[in-house]
PDB file of N, CA and C in Angstrom:
ATOM      1  N   GLU A   1      -2.914  11.921  -0.565  1.00  0.00           N
ATOM      2  CA  GLU A   1      -4.538  11.190  -0.723  1.00  0.00           C
ATOM      3  C   GLU A   1      -4.773  10.911  -2.563  1.00  0.00           C
ATOM      4  N   ALA A   2      -4.738   9.586  -3.094  1.00  0.00           N
ATOM      5  CA  ALA A   2      -4.970   9.684  -4.368  1.00  0.00           C
ATOM      6  C   ALA A   2      -6.214   9.023  -4.665  1.00  0.00           C
ATOM      7  N   GLY A   3      -7.299   9.998  -4.313  1.00  0.00           N
ATOM      8  CA  GLY A   3      -8.572   9.780  -4.267  1.00  0.00           C
ATOM      9  C   GLY A   3      -9.159   8.652  -3.490  1.00  0.00           C
ATOM     10  N   TYR A   4      -8.360   8.383  -2.395  1.00  0.00           N
ATOM     11  CA  TYR A   4      -8.855   7.499  -1.365  1.00  0.00           C
ATOM     12  C   TYR A   4      -9.383   8.418  -0.041  1.00  0.00           C
ATOM     13  N   LYS A   5     -10.560   7.745   0.755  1.00  0.00           N
ATOM     14  CA  LYS A   5     -11.127   8.780   1.925  1.00  0.00           C
ATOM     15  C   LYS A   5     -10.045   8.897   2.859  1.00  0.00           C
ATOM     16  N   THR A   6      -9.839   7.307   2.971  1.00  0.00           N
ATOM     17  CA  THR A   6      -9.078   7.396   3.874  1.00  0.00           C
ATOM     18  C   THR A   6      -7.701   6.385   3.830  1.00  0.00           C
ATOM     19  N   ALA A   7      -6.631   6.354   4.733  1.00  0.00           N
ATOM     20  CA  ALA A   7      -5.607   5.283   4.369  1.00  0.00           C
ATOM     21  C   ALA A   7      -6.120   3.861   4.444  1.00  0.00           C
ATOM     22  N   GLN A   8      -7.323   3.845   5.390  1.00  0.00           N
ATOM     23  CA  GLN A   8      -7.128   2.249   5.531  1.00  0.00           C
ATOM     24  C   GLN A   8      -8.099   1.774   4.180  1.00  0.00           C
ATOM     25  N   SER A   9      -8.957   2.856   3.474  1.00  0.00           N
ATOM     26  CA  SER A   9      -9.629   2.171   2.528  1.00  0.00           C
ATOM     27  C   SER A   9      -8.388   2.066   1.163  1.00  0.00           C
ATOM     28  N   PHE A  10      -7.411   2.788   1.169  1.00  0.00           N
ATOM     29  CA  PHE A  10      -6.441   2.859   0.333  1.00  0.00           C
ATOM     30  C   PHE A  10      -5.439   1.313   0.345  1.00  0.00           C
ATOM     31  N   THR A  11      -5.283   1.199   1.799  1.00  0.00           N
ATOM     32  CA  THR A  11      -4.519   0.198   2.021  1.00  0.00           C
ATOM     33  C   THR A  11      -5.396  -1.406   1.275  1.00  0.00           C
ATOM     34  N   ARG A  12      -6.757  -1.303   1.576  1.00  0.00           N
ATOM     35  CA  ARG A  12      -7.565  -2.511   1.365  1.00  0.00           C
ATOM     36  C   ARG A  12      -7.431  -2.484  -0.172  1.00  0.00           C
ATOM     37  N   ALA A  13      -7.527  -1.075  -0.913  1.00  0.00           N
ATOM     38  CA  ALA A  13      -7.509  -1.133  -2.363  1.00  0.00           C
ATOM     39  C   ALA A  13      -6.104  -1.943  -2.887  1.00  0.00           C
ATOM     40  N   PHE A  14      -5.362  -1.712  -2.175  1.00  0.00           N
ATOM     41  CA  PHE A  14      -3.617  -1.566  -2.626  1.00  0.00           C
ATOM     42  C   PHE A  14      -3.720  -3.588  -2.643  1.00  0.00           C
ATOM     43  N   TYR A  15      -3.896  -3.686  -1.242  1.00  0.00           N
ATOM     44  CA  TYR A  15      -3.677  -5.197  -0.976  1.00  0.00           C
ATOM     45  C   TYR A  15      -4.437  -5.998  -2.004  1.00  0.00           C
ATOM     46  N   LYS A  16      -5.475  -5.586  -2.457  1.00  0.00           N
ATOM     47  CA  LYS A  16      -6.540  -6.199  -3.219  1.00  0.00           C
ATOM     48  C   LYS A  16      -5.993  -6.495  -4.419  1.00  0.00           C
ATOM     49  N   GLU A  17      -5.692  -5.510  -5.138  1.00  0.00           N
ATOM     50  CA  GLU A  17      -4.726  -5.310  -6.471  1.00  0.00           C
ATOM     51  C   GLU A  17      -3.436  -6.273  -6.736  1.00  0.00           C
ATOM     52  N   THR A  18      -2.593  -5.496  -5.374  1.00  0.00           N
ATOM     53  CA  THR A  18      -1.078  -6.338  -5.306  1.00  0.00           C
ATOM     54  C   THR A  18      -1.033  -7.837  -4.464  1.00  0.00           C
ATOM     55  N   GLY A  19      -1.696  -7.709  -3.537  1.00  0.00           N
ATOM     56  CA  GLY A  19      -1.815  -9.063  -2.827  1.00  0.00           C
ATOM     57  C   GLY A  19      -0.594  -8.764  -1.643  1.00  0.00           C
ATOM     58  N   ILE A  20      -0.248  -7.624  -1.528  1.00  0.00           N
ATOM     59  CA  ILE A  20       0.825  -7.131  -0.372  1.00  0.00           C
ATOM     60  C   ILE A  20       0.254  -5.864   0.126  1.00  0.00           C
ATOM     61  N   TYR A  21       0.797  -5.332   1.340  1.00  0.00           N
ATOM     62  CA  TYR A  21      -0.033  -4.064   2.064  1.00  0.00           C
ATOM     63  C   TYR A  21       1.140  -3.077   1.803  1.00  0.00           C
ATOM     64  N   PRO A  22       0.552  -1.765   1.751  1.00  0.00           N
ATOM     65  CA  PRO A  22       1.557  -0.832   1.059  1.00  0.00           C
ATOM     66  C   PRO A  22       2.683  -0.498   2.367  1.00  0.00           C
ATOM     67  N   SER A  23       2.477  -0.876   3.382  1.00  0.00           N
ATOM     68  CA  SER A  23       3.893  -0.704   4.641  1.00  0.00           C
ATOM     69  C   SER A  23       4.820  -1.696   4.359  1.00  0.00           C
ATOM     70  N   TYR A  24       4.290  -3.027   3.736  1.00  0.00           N
ATOM     71  CA  TYR A  24       5.693  -3.984   3.862  1.00  0.00           C
ATOM     72  C   TYR A  24       6.233  -3.501   2.079  1.00  0.00           C
ATOM     73  N   PHE A  25       5.245  -3.091   1.370  1.00  0.00           N
ATOM     74  CA  PHE A  25       5.912  -2.531  -0.099  1.00  0.00           C
ATOM     75  C   PHE A  25       6.791  -1.344   0.240  1.00  0.00           C
ATOM     76  N   LEU A  26       6.575  -0.297   0.738  1.00  0.00           N
ATOM     77  CA  LEU A  26       7.586   0.505   1.370  1.00  0.00           C
ATOM     78  C   LEU A  26       8.718   0.283   1.743  1.00  0.00           C
ATOM     79  N   LYS A  27       8.872  -0.938   2.695  1.00  0.00           N
ATOM     80  CA  LYS A  27       9.594  -1.454   3.451  1.00  0.00           C
ATOM     81  C   LYS A  27      10.661  -1.712   2.418  1.00  0.00           C
ATOM     82  N   ARG A  28      10.284  -2.393   1.940  1.00  0.00           N
ATOM     83  CA  ARG A  28      10.825  -3.192   0.674  1.00  0.00           C
ATOM     84  C   ARG A  28      11.667  -2.342  -0.175  1.00  0.00           C
ATOM     85  N   LEU A  29      10.983  -1.106  -0.650  1.00  0.00           N
ATOM     86  CA  LEU A  29      11.160  -0.375  -1.529  1.00  0.00           C
ATOM     87  C   LEU A  29      12.457   0.243  -1.027  1.00  0.00           C
ATOM     88  N   LYS A  30      12.528   0.645   0.491  1.00  0.00           N
ATOM     89  CA  LYS A  30      12.892   1.527   0.939  1.00  0.00           C
ATOM     90  C   LYS A  30      14.544   0.489   1.215  1.00  0.00           C
ATOM     91  N   ALA A  31      14.311  -0.567   1.562  1.00  0.00           N
ATOM     92  CA  ALA A  31      15.596  -1.415   1.806  1.00  0.00           C
ATOM     93  C   ALA A  31      16.139  -1.948   0.270  1.00  0.00           C
ATOM     94  N   GLY A  32      15.301  -1.626  -0.639  1.00  0.00           N
ATOM     95  CA  GLY A  32      16.066  -1.251  -2.182  1.00  0.00           C
ATOM     96  C   GLY A  32      16.122  -2.930  -2.884  1.00  0.00           C
ATOM     97  N   SER A  33      15.683  -3.912  -1.929  1.00  0.00           N
ATOM     98  CA  SER A  33      15.426  -4.869  -3.118  1.00  0.00           C
ATOM     99  C   SER A  33      14.019  -5.506  -3.652  1.00  0.00           C
TER     100      SER A  33
END
């Protein structure tokens, strides 16, 4: 946890900043593209 109370609030903040969802981002990261 990086200072977020819940995974949901992290997801919201991440999406707000990047325009993508963390799960999608991590999937792309693992795919190496």
